[in-house]
Protein backbone atom coordinates (compact mmCIF):
# COMPACT_ATOMS: atom_id res chain seq x y z
CA MET A 1 83.64 101.28 68.70
CA ASN A 2 80.24 102.11 67.32
CA ILE A 3 77.04 100.09 67.46
CA ASN A 4 75.83 98.67 64.10
CA GLU A 5 79.33 98.93 62.60
CA ILE A 6 81.37 96.00 61.27
CA TYR A 7 84.72 95.35 62.97
CA SER A 8 87.63 92.96 62.68
CA PHE A 9 88.73 91.26 65.90
CA LYS A 10 92.05 89.50 66.51
CA LEU A 11 91.55 87.24 69.51
CA ASN A 12 94.19 86.23 72.05
CA SER A 13 94.02 82.73 70.52
CA GLY A 14 95.23 84.13 67.17
CA GLU A 15 91.87 83.66 65.45
CA GLU A 16 90.59 86.59 63.42
CA LEU A 17 86.88 87.22 63.09
CA ILE A 18 84.58 89.82 61.61
CA ALA A 19 81.23 90.79 63.11
CA LYS A 20 78.73 93.60 63.55
CA ILE A 21 78.61 95.15 67.04
CA VAL A 22 75.10 95.29 68.51
CA LYS A 23 75.75 96.28 72.15
CA ILE A 24 78.73 97.36 74.22
CA ALA A 25 79.05 96.49 77.90
CA ASP A 26 81.95 96.64 80.37
CA ASP A 27 82.97 92.97 80.15
CA TYR A 28 81.63 91.92 76.77
CA ILE A 29 80.56 93.08 73.33
CA THR A 30 77.38 91.66 71.82
CA ILE A 31 77.95 90.82 68.16
CA GLU A 32 75.87 89.44 65.29
CA GLU A 33 76.84 87.01 62.54
CA PRO A 34 80.49 86.43 63.47
CA VAL A 35 82.60 84.89 60.72
CA SER A 36 86.17 83.66 60.98
CA VAL A 37 88.83 84.55 58.46
CA ALA A 38 90.46 81.48 56.89
CA PRO A 39 93.08 81.21 54.14
CA GLY A 40 91.98 79.44 50.96
CA PRO A 41 93.24 78.78 47.44
CA GLN A 42 91.77 82.08 46.17
CA GLY A 43 92.92 84.14 49.16
CA ILE A 44 91.08 84.71 52.41
CA GLY A 45 87.66 83.18 52.97
CA LEU A 46 84.93 83.80 55.50
CA ILE A 47 83.47 80.84 57.38
CA PRO A 48 80.97 80.75 60.26
CA SER A 49 82.72 81.19 63.60
CA MET A 50 80.22 78.88 65.31
CA PHE A 51 78.58 76.14 63.26
CA THR A 52 75.92 75.22 65.84
CA ALA A 53 74.82 78.73 66.87
CA ASP A 54 72.01 80.69 65.25
CA PRO A 55 73.89 83.00 62.84
CA LYS A 56 71.21 85.70 63.22
CA GLY A 57 71.28 85.46 67.01
CA GLU A 58 73.30 87.71 69.28
CA THR A 59 76.63 86.37 70.57
CA LYS A 60 78.65 87.78 73.45
CA LEU A 61 82.38 88.27 72.98
CA ASN A 62 84.42 88.65 76.17
CA THR A 63 86.45 91.86 75.90
CA LYS A 64 89.37 90.17 77.71
CA SER A 65 89.65 87.76 74.74
CA ILE A 66 90.32 90.56 72.26
CA ALA A 67 93.96 91.36 71.46
CA ILE A 68 93.32 93.81 68.59
CA LEU A 69 90.16 95.56 67.33
CA SER A 70 89.90 97.53 64.10
CA GLN A 71 87.37 98.77 61.59
CA THR A 72 87.15 96.28 58.73
CA GLU A 73 88.75 97.25 55.41
CA GLU A 74 86.08 98.26 52.85
CA SER A 75 86.51 95.39 50.35
CA VAL A 76 86.47 92.80 53.16
CA LYS A 77 83.45 94.51 54.72
CA ASN A 78 81.63 94.19 51.38
CA LYS A 79 82.48 90.45 51.26
CA TYR A 80 81.18 90.12 54.83
CA ILE A 81 77.90 91.84 53.89
CA GLN A 82 77.56 89.57 50.86
CA ALA A 83 78.33 86.45 52.92
CA THR A 84 75.86 87.30 55.70
CA THR A 85 73.00 88.84 53.70
CA GLY A 86 73.42 87.57 50.13
CA ILE A 87 73.46 91.18 48.92
CA ALA A 88 76.41 92.08 46.69
CA VAL A 89 77.65 95.61 47.37
CA PRO A 90 78.53 97.28 44.06
CA SER A 91 81.99 98.76 43.75
CA LYS A 92 82.21 102.53 43.86
CA LYS A 93 82.82 104.00 40.42
CA LEU A 94 83.23 107.56 39.31
CA VAL A 95 80.89 108.57 36.52
CA LEU A 96 82.18 111.32 34.28
CA GLY A 97 80.15 112.85 31.57
């Protein structure tokens, strides 16, 4: 795990969420802007994990609640960045000429 990187978490409850890691401690990971992955008519969607929390605030995730942790796939990471910042990440294209 690296600070300021975006990761996908599969929790013991079965919920999957995506968040940026801010701090790493022994018993918890401090994350920012957690979003849950939810299926929708157009595929997967990203919804706030906590509707009443400040999305820009830091949230602590108990490390004992995490079943699986992985770096987020690039296209999903770009959707996360767009959902949390409003900035659309352009797709990588090769320019020949």
